[in-house]
Amino acid sequence: MSELDPVIHAQARLRVVASLSALGDGDRIAFPRLQELLAMTAGNLSVHLRKLEDAGYVEISKTHRGRTPATLVRLSRRGRLAFEEYTEAIRTLLAPSLPKE
């Protein structure tokens, strides 16, 4: 059986990765919108995004919309693959064992 990825397995990070995985490949979401969707404080979300970024699972870009700074977040290819592997490991873990013949 595969090990569950400890970076993703933490509840808050699982919620972040699951939300980002719903975006199209390469699509980004603004930090405040992600914060609103997840009902997390800015500080809490930042901490979890940093751990995901350190693992290479998310990419964070800082830009400006007019004169207003904007932070955009997206799931990296590595993060998408890690989430797919994580969900497959969960499915395997939860699947009933078939009797051996």
Protein backbone atom coordinates (compact mmCIF):
# COMPACT_ATOMS: atom_id res chain seq x y z
CA MET A 1 0.00 0.00 0.00
CA SER A 2 1.20 3.51 -0.81
CA GLU A 3 2.04 5.94 1.95
CA LEU A 4 -0.22 8.98 2.23
CA ASP A 5 1.67 12.15 1.31
CA PRO A 6 2.16 13.95 4.64
CA VAL A 7 2.36 17.35 2.92
CA ILE A 8 -1.13 16.93 1.47
CA HIS A 9 -2.61 14.83 4.29
CA ALA A 10 -2.88 17.71 6.79
CA GLN A 11 -6.53 18.76 6.76
CA ALA A 12 -6.00 22.42 5.83
CA ARG A 13 -3.52 21.60 3.05
CA LEU A 14 -5.81 18.89 1.72
CA ARG A 15 -8.58 21.49 1.46
CA VAL A 16 -6.22 23.88 -0.35
CA VAL A 17 -5.00 21.26 -2.83
CA ALA A 18 -8.51 19.90 -3.46
CA SER A 19 -9.76 23.42 -4.18
CA LEU A 20 -6.86 24.22 -6.50
CA SER A 21 -7.27 20.91 -8.32
CA ALA A 22 -10.77 22.01 -9.35
CA LEU A 23 -9.21 24.80 -11.42
CA GLY A 24 -8.24 24.12 -15.00
CA ASP A 25 -4.63 23.22 -15.74
CA GLY A 26 -2.64 26.43 -15.45
CA ASP A 27 -5.55 28.49 -14.06
CA ARG A 28 -4.82 30.68 -11.05
CA ILE A 29 -6.92 32.01 -8.21
CA ALA A 30 -6.41 35.22 -6.25
CA PHE A 31 -5.29 34.72 -2.66
CA PRO A 32 -8.28 36.59 -1.17
CA ARG A 33 -10.72 34.47 -3.19
CA LEU A 34 -9.04 31.23 -2.05
CA GLN A 35 -9.07 32.52 1.52
CA GLU A 36 -12.79 33.24 1.22
CA LEU A 37 -13.58 29.84 -0.32
CA LEU A 38 -11.72 28.00 2.43
CA ALA A 39 -12.83 30.31 5.26
CA MET A 40 -9.25 30.51 6.52
CA THR A 41 -7.38 33.43 8.01
CA ALA A 42 -4.75 35.05 5.81
CA GLY A 43 -1.99 33.94 8.17
CA ASN A 44 -3.15 30.33 8.34
CA LEU A 45 -3.55 30.09 4.56
CA SER A 46 -0.13 31.66 4.03
CA VAL A 47 1.56 29.11 6.29
CA HIS A 48 -0.03 26.18 4.47
CA LEU A 49 0.67 27.65 1.04
CA ARG A 50 4.33 28.06 2.00
CA LYS A 51 4.58 24.36 2.92
CA LEU A 52 2.92 23.40 -0.36
CA GLU A 53 5.20 25.78 -2.27
CA ASP A 54 8.29 24.35 -0.54
CA ALA A 55 7.18 20.88 -1.72
CA GLY A 56 6.75 22.21 -5.27
CA TYR A 57 2.99 21.57 -5.20
CA VAL A 58 1.81 25.15 -5.70
CA GLU A 59 3.15 28.15 -7.55
CA ILE A 60 2.58 31.61 -6.16
CA SER A 61 3.02 34.71 -8.28
CA LYS A 62 2.86 38.30 -7.17
CA THR A 63 1.69 40.87 -9.66
CA HIS A 64 -0.29 44.09 -9.82
CA ARG A 65 -3.79 44.80 -11.02
CA GLY A 66 -3.45 48.45 -11.78
CA ARG A 67 -1.73 49.82 -8.70
CA THR A 68 -3.06 47.11 -6.41
CA PRO A 69 -0.77 44.19 -5.56
CA ALA A 70 -2.25 40.76 -6.27
CA THR A 71 -1.11 37.31 -5.18
CA LEU A 72 -2.16 34.48 -7.47
CA VAL A 73 -2.00 30.78 -6.63
CA ARG A 74 -2.10 27.71 -8.84
CA LEU A 75 -1.50 23.99 -8.48
CA SER A 76 1.74 22.98 -10.20
CA ARG A 77 2.01 19.90 -12.40
CA ARG A 78 3.89 18.21 -9.60
CA GLY A 79 1.12 19.18 -7.17
CA ARG A 80 -1.59 17.88 -9.48
CA LEU A 81 0.25 14.56 -9.84
CA ALA A 82 0.81 14.34 -6.07
CA PHE A 83 -2.91 14.97 -5.47
CA GLU A 84 -3.87 12.30 -8.01
CA GLU A 85 -1.52 9.83 -6.29
CA TYR A 86 -2.91 10.84 -2.89
CA THR A 87 -6.53 10.31 -3.96
CA GLU A 88 -5.61 6.94 -5.49
CA ALA A 89 -3.92 5.91 -2.23
CA ILE A 90 -7.06 6.91 -0.30
CA ARG A 91 -9.27 4.92 -2.71
CA THR A 92 -7.02 1.88 -2.27
CA LEU A 93 -7.09 2.27 1.48
CA LEU A 94 -10.89 2.53 1.55
CA ALA A 95 -11.61 -0.17 -1.03
CA PRO A 96 -12.81 -3.43 0.48
CA SER A 97 -10.21 -6.15 0.29
CA LEU A 98 -11.04 -8.79 -2.23
CA PRO A 99 -10.66 -12.38 -1.06
CA LYS A 100 -7.63 -14.13 -2.50
CA GLU A 101 -8.34 -17.23 -4.53
